[in-house]
Amino acid sequence: PKDESMTPTPMSPYAVTKLTGEHYMRVFAQLYGIETL
């Protein structure tokens, strides 16, 4: 099964946008202390 430790390899613009959103969520958690998931 696909687990969260795997390196994402998006194959569509949609997948890229979702992965970018995830990165922004993580960065806002680290920089600003917002609890994100």
PDB file of all heavy atoms in Angstrom:
ATOM      1  N   PRO A   1       0.825  -1.210   0.000  1.00  0.00           N
ATOM      2  CA  PRO A   1       0.000   0.000   0.000  1.00  0.00           C
ATOM      3  C   PRO A   1       0.861   1.262   0.000  1.00  0.00           C
ATOM      4  O   PRO A   1       2.042   1.212   0.346  1.00  0.00           O
ATOM      5  CB  PRO A   1      -0.797  -0.132   1.298  1.00  0.00           C
ATOM      6  CG  PRO A   1       0.076  -0.931   2.203  1.00  0.00           C
ATOM      7  CD  PRO A   1       0.808  -1.893   1.309  1.00  0.00           C
ATOM      8  N   LYS A   2       0.257   2.373  -0.378  1.00  0.00           N
ATOM      9  CA  LYS A   2       0.985   3.651  -0.413  1.00  0.00           C
ATOM     10  C   LYS A   2       1.001   4.238   1.000  1.00  0.00           C
ATOM     11  O   LYS A   2      -0.048   4.462   1.581  1.00  0.00           O
ATOM     12  CB  LYS A   2       0.296   4.607  -1.397  1.00  0.00           C
ATOM     13  CG  LYS A   2       0.319   4.073  -2.837  1.00  0.00           C
ATOM     14  CD  LYS A   2      -0.410   4.989  -3.791  1.00  0.00           C
ATOM     15  CE  LYS A   2      -0.632   4.344  -5.157  1.00  0.00           C
ATOM     16  NZ  LYS A   2       0.561   4.236  -5.972  1.00  0.00           N
ATOM     17  N   ASP A   3       2.199   4.460   1.526  1.00  0.00           N
ATOM     18  CA  ASP A   3       2.273   5.057   2.865  1.00  0.00           C
ATOM     19  C   ASP A   3       2.938   6.418   2.806  1.00  0.00           C
ATOM     20  O   ASP A   3       3.586   6.775   1.821  1.00  0.00           O
ATOM     21  CB  ASP A   3       2.957   4.111   3.868  1.00  0.00           C
ATOM     22  CG  ASP A   3       4.458   4.058   3.694  1.00  0.00           C
ATOM     23  OD1 ASP A   3       5.125   5.100   3.879  1.00  0.00           O
ATOM     24  OD2 ASP A   3       4.986   2.968   3.381  1.00  0.00           O
ATOM     25  N   GLU A   4       2.752   7.184   3.884  1.00  0.00           N
ATOM     26  CA  GLU A   4       3.112   8.604   3.892  1.00  0.00           C
ATOM     27  C   GLU A   4       4.620   8.860   3.814  1.00  0.00           C
ATOM     28  O   GLU A   4       5.040   9.988   3.560  1.00  0.00           O
ATOM     29  CB  GLU A   4       2.526   9.267   5.140  1.00  0.00           C
ATOM     30  CG  GLU A   4       1.006   9.266   5.185  1.00  0.00           C
ATOM     31  CD  GLU A   4       0.381   8.013   5.783  1.00  0.00           C
ATOM     32  OE1 GLU A   4       1.103   7.007   5.979  1.00  0.00           O
ATOM     33  OE2 GLU A   4      -0.827   8.033   6.060  1.00  0.00           O
ATOM     34  N   SER A   5       5.435   7.810   4.007  1.00  0.00           N
ATOM     35  CA  SER A   5       6.886   8.000   3.918  1.00  0.00           C
ATOM     36  C   SER A   5       7.378   7.959   2.472  1.00  0.00           C
ATOM     37  O   SER A   5       8.528   8.304   2.185  1.00  0.00           O
ATOM     38  CB  SER A   5       7.616   6.919   4.734  1.00  0.00           C
ATOM     39  OG  SER A   5       7.419   5.654   4.129  1.00  0.00           O
ATOM     40  N   MET A   6       6.512   7.551   1.543  1.00  0.00           N
ATOM     41  CA  MET A   6       6.911   7.459   0.134  1.00  0.00           C
ATOM     42  C   MET A   6       7.055   8.850  -0.479  1.00  0.00           C
ATOM     43  O   MET A   6       6.336   9.768  -0.119  1.00  0.00           O
ATOM     44  CB  MET A   6       5.868   6.654  -0.653  1.00  0.00           C
ATOM     45  CG  MET A   6       5.787   5.205  -0.230  1.00  0.00           C
ATOM     46  SD  MET A   6       4.313   4.343  -0.858  1.00  0.00           S
ATOM     47  CE  MET A   6       4.688   4.297  -2.597  1.00  0.00           C
ATOM     48  N   THR A   7       7.984   8.968  -1.416  1.00  0.00           N
ATOM     49  CA  THR A   7       8.176  10.243  -2.106  1.00  0.00           C
ATOM     50  C   THR A   7       7.058  10.437  -3.125  1.00  0.00           C
ATOM     51  O   THR A   7       6.880   9.601  -4.014  1.00  0.00           O
ATOM     52  CB  THR A   7       9.524  10.276  -2.840  1.00  0.00           C
ATOM     53  OG1 THR A   7      10.562  10.044  -1.894  1.00  0.00           O
ATOM     54  CG2 THR A   7       9.746  11.620  -3.523  1.00  0.00           C
ATOM     55  N   PRO A   8       6.281  11.520  -3.011  1.00  0.00           N
ATOM     56  CA  PRO A   8       5.200  11.748  -3.980  1.00  0.00           C
ATOM     57  C   PRO A   8       5.757  11.984  -5.389  1.00  0.00           C
ATOM     58  O   PRO A   8       6.793  12.637  -5.560  1.00  0.00           O
ATOM     59  CB  PRO A   8       4.510  13.010  -3.453  1.00  0.00           C
ATOM     60  CG  PRO A   8       4.911  13.110  -2.011  1.00  0.00           C
ATOM     61  CD  PRO A   8       6.290  12.537  -1.953  1.00  0.00           C
ATOM     62  N   THR A   9       5.074  11.441  -6.383  1.00  0.00           N
ATOM     63  CA  THR A   9       5.450  11.675  -7.783  1.00  0.00           C
ATOM     64  C   THR A   9       4.171  11.981  -8.577  1.00  0.00           C
ATOM     65  O   THR A   9       3.684  11.155  -9.342  1.00  0.00           O
ATOM     66  CB  THR A   9       6.146  10.440  -8.399  1.00  0.00           C
ATOM     67  OG1 THR A   9       5.323   9.284  -8.163  1.00  0.00           O
ATOM     68  CG2 THR A   9       7.519  10.213  -7.797  1.00  0.00           C
ATOM     69  N   PRO A  10       3.612  13.177  -8.379  1.00  0.00           N
ATOM     70  CA  PRO A  10       2.336  13.499  -9.025  1.00  0.00           C
ATOM     71  C   PRO A  10       2.433  13.420 -10.547  1.00  0.00           C
ATOM     72  O   PRO A  10       3.451  13.775 -11.133  1.00  0.00           O
ATOM     73  CB  PRO A  10       2.043  14.921  -8.556  1.00  0.00           C
ATOM     74  CG  PRO A  10       3.313  15.442  -7.971  1.00  0.00           C
ATOM     75  CD  PRO A  10       4.125  14.276  -7.551  1.00  0.00           C
ATOM     76  N   MET A  11       1.344  12.946 -11.164  1.00  0.00           N
ATOM     77  CA  MET A  11       1.308  12.747 -12.617  1.00  0.00           C
ATOM     78  C   MET A  11       0.348  13.687 -13.331  1.00  0.00           C
ATOM     79  O   MET A  11       0.167  13.580 -14.544  1.00  0.00           O
ATOM     80  CB  MET A  11       0.893  11.302 -12.920  1.00  0.00           C
ATOM     81  CG  MET A  11       1.912  10.268 -12.512  1.00  0.00           C
ATOM     82  SD  MET A  11       1.233   8.585 -12.683  1.00  0.00           S
ATOM     83  CE  MET A  11       0.806   8.527 -14.422  1.00  0.00           C
ATOM     84  N   SER A  12      -0.314  14.571 -12.589  1.00  0.00           N
ATOM     85  CA  SER A  12      -1.275  15.482 -13.215  1.00  0.00           C
ATOM     86  C   SER A  12      -1.169  16.844 -12.532  1.00  0.00           C
ATOM     87  O   SER A  12      -0.717  16.939 -11.386  1.00  0.00           O
ATOM     88  CB  SER A  12      -2.700  14.940 -13.053  1.00  0.00           C
ATOM     89  OG  SER A  12      -3.055  14.929 -11.674  1.00  0.00           O
ATOM     90  N   PRO A  13      -1.607  17.910 -13.214  1.00  0.00           N
ATOM     91  CA  PRO A  13      -1.637  19.219 -12.560  1.00  0.00           C
ATOM     92  C   PRO A  13      -2.448  19.196 -11.265  1.00  0.00           C
ATOM     93  O   PRO A  13      -2.065  19.818 -10.276  1.00  0.00           O
ATOM     94  CB  PRO A  13      -2.273  20.130 -13.611  1.00  0.00           C
ATOM     95  CG  PRO A  13      -1.905  19.491 -14.914  1.00  0.00           C
ATOM     96  CD  PRO A  13      -1.956  18.009 -14.655  1.00  0.00           C
ATOM     97  N   TYR A  14      -3.570  18.471 -11.252  1.00  0.00           N
ATOM     98  CA  TYR A  14      -4.386  18.376 -10.030  1.00  0.00           C
ATOM     99  C   TYR A  14      -3.548  17.840  -8.874  1.00  0.00           C
ATOM    100  O   TYR A  14      -3.562  18.385  -7.760  1.00  0.00           O
ATOM    101  CB  TYR A  14      -5.592  17.473 -10.273  1.00  0.00           C
ATOM    102  CG  TYR A  14      -6.393  17.194  -9.009  1.00  0.00           C
ATOM    103  CD1 TYR A  14      -7.198  18.183  -8.443  1.00  0.00           C
ATOM    104  CD2 TYR A  14      -6.331  15.953  -8.384  1.00  0.00           C
ATOM    105  CE1 TYR A  14      -7.918  17.935  -7.285  1.00  0.00           C
ATOM    106  CE2 TYR A  14      -7.053  15.698  -7.224  1.00  0.00           C
ATOM    107  CZ  TYR A  14      -7.839  16.684  -6.676  1.00  0.00           C
ATOM    108  OH  TYR A  14      -8.539  16.437  -5.516  1.00  0.00           O
ATOM    109  N   ALA A  15      -2.830  16.757  -9.118  1.00  0.00           N
ATOM    110  CA  ALA A  15      -2.006  16.154  -8.066  1.00  0.00           C
ATOM    111  C   ALA A  15      -0.917  17.121  -7.595  1.00  0.00           C
ATOM    112  O   ALA A  15      -0.628  17.207  -6.396  1.00  0.00           O
ATOM    113  CB  ALA A  15      -1.388  14.854  -8.575  1.00  0.00           C
ATOM    114  N   VAL A  16      -0.344  17.868  -8.520  1.00  0.00           N
ATOM    115  CA  VAL A  16       0.665  18.866  -8.149  1.00  0.00           C
ATOM    116  C   VAL A  16       0.054  19.936  -7.242  1.00  0.00           C
ATOM    117  O   VAL A  16       0.654  20.343  -6.249  1.00  0.00           O
ATOM    118  CB  VAL A  16       1.287  19.518  -9.409  1.00  0.00           C
ATOM    119  CG1 VAL A  16       2.160  20.712  -9.028  1.00  0.00           C
ATOM    120  CG2 VAL A  16       2.123  18.495 -10.178  1.00  0.00           C
ATOM    121  N   THR A  17      -1.167  20.364  -7.562  1.00  0.00           N
ATOM    122  CA  THR A  17      -1.796  21.412  -6.740  1.00  0.00           C
ATOM    123  C   THR A  17      -2.063  20.910  -5.321  1.00  0.00           C
ATOM    124  O   THR A  17      -1.897  21.655  -4.354  1.00  0.00           O
ATOM    125  CB  THR A  17      -3.133  21.911  -7.343  1.00  0.00           C
ATOM    126  OG1 THR A  17      -4.135  20.888  -7.297  1.00  0.00           O
ATOM    127  CG2 THR A  17      -2.955  22.414  -8.764  1.00  0.00           C
ATOM    128  N   LYS A  18      -2.464  19.647  -5.198  1.00  0.00           N
ATOM    129  CA  LYS A  18      -2.743  19.098  -3.869  1.00  0.00           C
ATOM    130  C   LYS A  18      -1.463  18.936  -3.062  1.00  0.00           C
ATOM    131  O   LYS A  18      -1.432  19.230  -1.852  1.00  0.00           O
ATOM    132  CB  LYS A  18      -3.487  17.758  -3.988  1.00  0.00           C
ATOM    133  CG  LYS A  18      -4.956  17.924  -4.361  1.00  0.00           C
ATOM    134  CD  LYS A  18      -5.684  18.726  -3.288  1.00  0.00           C
ATOM    135  CE  LYS A  18      -7.156  18.900  -3.528  1.00  0.00           C
ATOM    136  NZ  LYS A  18      -7.785  19.750  -2.500  1.00  0.00           N
ATOM    137  N   LEU A  19      -0.398  18.511  -3.712  1.00  0.00           N
ATOM    138  CA  LEU A  19       0.882  18.370  -3.017  1.00  0.00           C
ATOM    139  C   LEU A  19       1.416  19.743  -2.591  1.00  0.00           C
ATOM    140  O   LEU A  19       1.953  19.906  -1.485  1.00  0.00           O
ATOM    141  CB  LEU A  19       1.895  17.661  -3.918  1.00  0.00           C
ATOM    142  CG  LEU A  19       3.243  17.338  -3.278  1.00  0.00           C
ATOM    143  CD1 LEU A  19       3.088  16.448  -2.052  1.00  0.00           C
ATOM    144  CD2 LEU A  19       4.177  16.696  -4.298  1.00  0.00           C
ATOM    145  N   THR A  20       1.232  20.740  -3.450  1.00  0.00           N
ATOM    146  CA  THR A  20       1.651  22.109  -3.105  1.00  0.00           C
ATOM    147  C   THR A  20       0.871  22.615  -1.893  1.00  0.00           C
ATOM    148  O   THR A  20       1.444  23.219  -0.976  1.00  0.00           O
ATOM    149  CB  THR A  20       1.440  23.048  -4.307  1.00  0.00           C
ATOM    150  OG1 THR A  20       2.117  22.511  -5.439  1.00  0.00           O
ATOM    151  CG2 THR A  20       1.964  24.444  -4.013  1.00  0.00           C
ATOM    152  N   GLY A  21      -0.422  22.360  -1.866  1.00  0.00           N
ATOM    153  CA  GLY A  21      -1.244  22.721  -0.704  1.00  0.00           C
ATOM    154  C   GLY A  21      -0.734  22.072   0.570  1.00  0.00           C
ATOM    155  O   GLY A  21      -0.672  22.704   1.629  1.00  0.00           O
ATOM    156  N   GLU A  22      -0.356  20.808   0.480  1.00  0.00           N
ATOM    157  CA  GLU A  22       0.197  20.102   1.651  1.00  0.00           C
ATOM    158  C   GLU A  22       1.466  20.797   2.156  1.00  0.00           C
ATOM    159  O   GLU A  22       1.659  20.962   3.365  1.00  0.00           O
ATOM    160  CB  GLU A  22       0.555  18.659   1.278  1.00  0.00           C
ATOM    161  CG  GLU A  22      -0.617  17.742   1.077  1.00  0.00           C
ATOM    162  CD  GLU A  22      -0.165  16.299   0.856  1.00  0.00           C
ATOM    163  OE1 GLU A  22       1.053  16.014   1.039  1.00  0.00           O
ATOM    164  OE2 GLU A  22      -1.016  15.468   0.500  1.00  0.00           O
ATOM    165  N   HIS A  23       2.340  21.167   1.215  1.00  0.00           N
ATOM    166  CA  HIS A  23       3.588  21.852   1.612  1.00  0.00           C
ATOM    167  C   HIS A  23       3.282  23.177   2.312  1.00  0.00           C
ATOM    168  O   HIS A  23       3.898  23.513   3.330  1.00  0.00           O
ATOM    169  CB  HIS A  23       4.478  22.089   0.390  1.00  0.00           C
ATOM    170  CG  HIS A  23       5.149  20.859  -0.121  1.00  0.00           C
ATOM    171  ND1 HIS A  23       5.763  19.942   0.702  1.00  0.00           N
ATOM    172  CD2 HIS A  23       5.321  20.396  -1.387  1.00  0.00           C
ATOM    173  CE1 HIS A  23       6.282  18.968  -0.031  1.00  0.00           C
ATOM    174  NE2 HIS A  23       6.020  19.221  -1.301  1.00  0.00           N
ATOM    175  N   TYR A  24       2.319  23.922   1.761  1.00  0.00           N
ATOM    176  CA  TYR A  24       1.940  25.184   2.410  1.00  0.00           C
ATOM    177  C   TYR A  24       1.378  24.948   3.814  1.00  0.00           C
ATOM    178  O   TYR A  24       1.680  25.688   4.752  1.00  0.00           O
ATOM    179  CB  TYR A  24       0.927  25.948   1.555  1.00  0.00           C
ATOM    180  CG  TYR A  24       1.559  26.893   0.561  1.00  0.00           C
ATOM    181  CD1 TYR A  24       1.264  26.823  -0.799  1.00  0.00           C
ATOM    182  CD2 TYR A  24       2.465  27.874   0.992  1.00  0.00           C
ATOM    183  CE1 TYR A  24       1.850  27.686  -1.703  1.00  0.00           C
ATOM    184  CE2 TYR A  24       3.058  28.736   0.093  1.00  0.00           C
ATOM    185  CZ  TYR A  24       2.751  28.641  -1.255  1.00  0.00           C
ATOM    186  OH  TYR A  24       3.339  29.506  -2.151  1.00  0.00           O
ATOM    187  N   MET A  25       0.578  23.909   3.967  1.00  0.00           N
ATOM    188  CA  MET A  25       0.027  23.589   5.288  1.00  0.00           C
ATOM    189  C   MET A  25       1.156  23.303   6.287  1.00  0.00           C
ATOM    190  O   MET A  25       1.146  23.786   7.420  1.00  0.00           O
ATOM    191  CB  MET A  25      -0.888  22.363   5.184  1.00  0.00           C
ATOM    192  CG  MET A  25      -2.142  22.593   4.370  1.00  0.00           C
ATOM    193  SD  MET A  25      -3.445  23.439   5.280  1.00  0.00           S
ATOM    194  CE  MET A  25      -4.038  22.108   6.276  1.00  0.00           C
ATOM    195  N   ARG A  26       2.133  22.512   5.856  1.00  0.00           N
ATOM    196  CA  ARG A  26       3.256  22.167   6.738  1.00  0.00           C
ATOM    197  C   ARG A  26       4.082  23.401   7.091  1.00  0.00           C
ATOM    198  O   ARG A  26       4.456  23.612   8.248  1.00  0.00           O
ATOM    199  CB  ARG A  26       4.128  21.114   6.050  1.00  0.00           C
ATOM    200  CG  ARG A  26       5.340  20.671   6.854  1.00  0.00           C
ATOM    201  CD  ARG A  26       6.129  19.596   6.125  1.00  0.00           C
ATOM    202  NE  ARG A  26       6.377  19.924   4.729  1.00  0.00           N
ATOM    203  CZ  ARG A  26       7.311  20.793   4.311  1.00  0.00           C
ATOM    204  NH1 ARG A  26       8.088  21.435   5.192  1.00  0.00           N
ATOM    205  NH2 ARG A  26       7.478  21.037   3.022  1.00  0.00           N
ATOM    206  N   VAL A  27       4.344  24.247   6.082  1.00  0.00           N
ATOM    207  CA  VAL A  27       5.156  25.452   6.308  1.00  0.00           C
ATOM    208  C   VAL A  27       4.438  26.413   7.267  1.00  0.00           C
ATOM    209  O   VAL A  27       5.078  27.001   8.156  1.00  0.00           O
ATOM    210  CB  VAL A  27       5.476  26.135   4.957  1.00  0.00           C
ATOM    211  CG1 VAL A  27       5.995  27.552   5.164  1.00  0.00           C
ATOM    212  CG2 VAL A  27       6.508  25.302   4.200  1.00  0.00           C
ATOM    213  N   PHE A  28       3.125  26.571   7.117  1.00  0.00           N
ATOM    214  CA  PHE A  28       2.388  27.461   8.022  1.00  0.00           C
ATOM    215  C   PHE A  28       2.368  26.898   9.442  1.00  0.00           C
ATOM    216  O   PHE A  28       2.363  27.655  10.417  1.00  0.00           O
ATOM    217  CB  PHE A  28       0.969  27.716   7.500  1.00  0.00           C
ATOM    218  CG  PHE A  28       0.878  28.931   6.620  1.00  0.00           C
ATOM    219  CD1 PHE A  28       1.441  28.928   5.347  1.00  0.00           C
ATOM    220  CD2 PHE A  28       0.247  30.088   7.055  1.00  0.00           C
ATOM    221  CE1 PHE A  28       1.379  30.048   4.526  1.00  0.00           C
ATOM    222  CE2 PHE A  28       0.174  31.226   6.248  1.00  0.00           C
ATOM    223  CZ  PHE A  28       0.749  31.200   4.973  1.00  0.00           C
ATOM    224  N   ALA A  29       2.364  25.584   9.571  1.00  0.00           N
ATOM    225  CA  ALA A  29       2.450  24.971  10.901  1.00  0.00           C
ATOM    226  C   ALA A  29       3.809  25.274  11.531  1.00  0.00           C
ATOM    227  O   ALA A  29       3.902  25.647  12.707  1.00  0.00           O
ATOM    228  CB  ALA A  29       2.229  23.465  10.810  1.00  0.00           C
ATOM    229  N   GLN A  30       4.878  25.129  10.733  1.00  0.00           N
ATOM    230  CA  GLN A  30       6.229  25.344  11.254  1.00  0.00           C
ATOM    231  C   GLN A  30       6.519  26.816  11.544  1.00  0.00           C
ATOM    232  O   GLN A  30       7.076  27.154  12.582  1.00  0.00           O
ATOM    233  CB  GLN A  30       7.260  24.798  10.248  1.00  0.00           C
ATOM    234  CG  GLN A  30       7.260  23.275  10.161  1.00  0.00           C
ATOM    235  CD  GLN A  30       8.138  22.761   9.026  1.00  0.00           C
ATOM    236  OE1 GLN A  30       8.530  23.517   8.136  1.00  0.00           O
ATOM    237  NE2 GLN A  30       8.409  21.467   9.034  1.00  0.00           N
ATOM    238  N   LEU A  31       6.110  27.688  10.614  1.00  0.00           N
ATOM    239  CA  LEU A  31       6.447  29.113  10.754  1.00  0.00           C
ATOM    240  C   LEU A  31       5.557  29.848  11.752  1.00  0.00           C
ATOM    241  O   LEU A  31       6.023  30.695  12.505  1.00  0.00           O
ATOM    242  CB  LEU A  31       6.333  29.812   9.396  1.00  0.00           C
ATOM    243  CG  LEU A  31       7.417  29.562   8.362  1.00  0.00           C
ATOM    244  CD1 LEU A  31       7.104  30.331   7.096  1.00  0.00           C
ATOM    245  CD2 LEU A  31       8.792  29.952   8.896  1.00  0.00           C
ATOM    246  N   TYR A  32       4.271  29.517  11.729  1.00  0.00           N
ATOM    247  CA  TYR A  32       3.299  30.335  12.456  1.00  0.00           C
ATOM    248  C   TYR A  32       2.580  29.588  13.574  1.00  0.00           C
ATOM    249  O   TYR A  32       1.755  30.186  14.278  1.00  0.00           O
ATOM    250  CB  TYR A  32       2.260  30.904  11.478  1.00  0.00           C
ATOM    251  CG  TYR A  32       2.866  31.641  10.305  1.00  0.00           C
ATOM    252  CD1 TYR A  32       2.660  31.189   9.005  1.00  0.00           C
ATOM    253  CD2 TYR A  32       3.644  32.787  10.485  1.00  0.00           C
ATOM    254  CE1 TYR A  32       3.207  31.854   7.911  1.00  0.00           C
ATOM    255  CE2 TYR A  32       4.199  33.448   9.399  1.00  0.00           C
ATOM    256  CZ  TYR A  32       3.980  32.982   8.117  1.00  0.00           C
ATOM    257  OH  TYR A  32       4.526  33.640   7.047  1.00  0.00           O
ATOM    258  N   GLY A  33       2.860  28.297  13.716  1.00  0.00           N
ATOM    259  CA  GLY A  33       2.269  27.548  14.820  1.00  0.00           C
ATOM    260  C   GLY A  33       0.794  27.200  14.651  1.00  0.00           C
ATOM    261  O   GLY A  33       0.139  26.803  15.612  1.00  0.00           O
ATOM    262  N   ILE A  34       0.250  27.346  13.429  1.00  0.00           N
ATOM    263  CA  ILE A  34      -1.128  26.896  13.199  1.00  0.00           C
ATOM    264  C   ILE A  34      -1.131  25.370  13.200  1.00  0.00           C
ATOM    265  O   ILE A  34      -0.245  24.739  12.619  1.00  0.00           O
ATOM    266  CB  ILE A  34      -1.673  27.409  11.850  1.00  0.00           C
ATOM    267  CG1 ILE A  34      -1.652  28.939  11.799  1.00  0.00           C
ATOM    268  CG2 ILE A  34      -3.100  26.918  11.599  1.00  0.00           C
ATOM    269  CD1 ILE A  34      -2.101  29.510  10.461  1.00  0.00           C
ATOM    270  N   GLU A  35      -2.119  24.765  13.843  1.00  0.00           N
ATOM    271  CA  GLU A  35      -2.231  23.305  13.825  1.00  0.00           C
ATOM    272  C   GLU A  35      -2.861  22.891  12.501  1.00  0.00           C
ATOM    273  O   GLU A  35      -4.015  23.218  12.222  1.00  0.00           O
ATOM    274  CB  GLU A  35      -3.108  22.836  14.996  1.00  0.00           C
ATOM    275  CG  GLU A  35      -2.506  23.185  16.352  1.00  0.00           C
ATOM    276  CD  GLU A  35      -3.486  22.945  17.484  1.00  0.00           C
ATOM    277  OE1 GLU A  35      -4.704  22.892  17.230  1.00  0.00           O
ATOM    278  OE2 GLU A  35      -3.019  22.801  18.623  1.00  0.00           O
ATOM    279  N   THR A  36      -2.087  22.219  11.649  1.00  0.00           N
ATOM    280  CA  THR A  36      -2.603  21.845  10.333  1.00  0.00           C
ATOM    281  C   THR A  36      -2.457  20.351  10.079  1.00  0.00           C
ATOM    282  O   THR A  36      -1.576  19.687  10.632  1.00  0.00           O
ATOM    283  CB  THR A  36      -1.889  22.604   9.188  1.00  0.00           C
ATOM    284  OG1 THR A  36      -0.547  22.136   9.078  1.00  0.00           O
ATOM    285  CG2 THR A  36      -1.902  24.112   9.425  1.00  0.00           C
ATOM    286  N   LEU A  37      -3.340  19.864   9.233  1.00  0.00           N
ATOM    287  CA  LEU A  37      -3.313  18.463   8.816  1.00  0.00           C
ATOM    288  C   LEU A  37      -3.854  18.376   7.397  1.00  0.00           C
ATOM    289  O   LEU A  37      -4.870  19.004   7.079  1.00  0.00           O
ATOM    290  CB  LEU A  37      -4.194  17.611   9.745  1.00  0.00           C
ATOM    291  CG  LEU A  37      -4.275  16.118   9.415  1.00  0.00           C
ATOM    292  CD1 LEU A  37      -2.978  15.406   9.801  1.00  0.00           C
ATOM    293  CD2 LEU A  37      -5.456  15.461  10.137  1.00  0.00           C
TER     294      LEU A  37
END
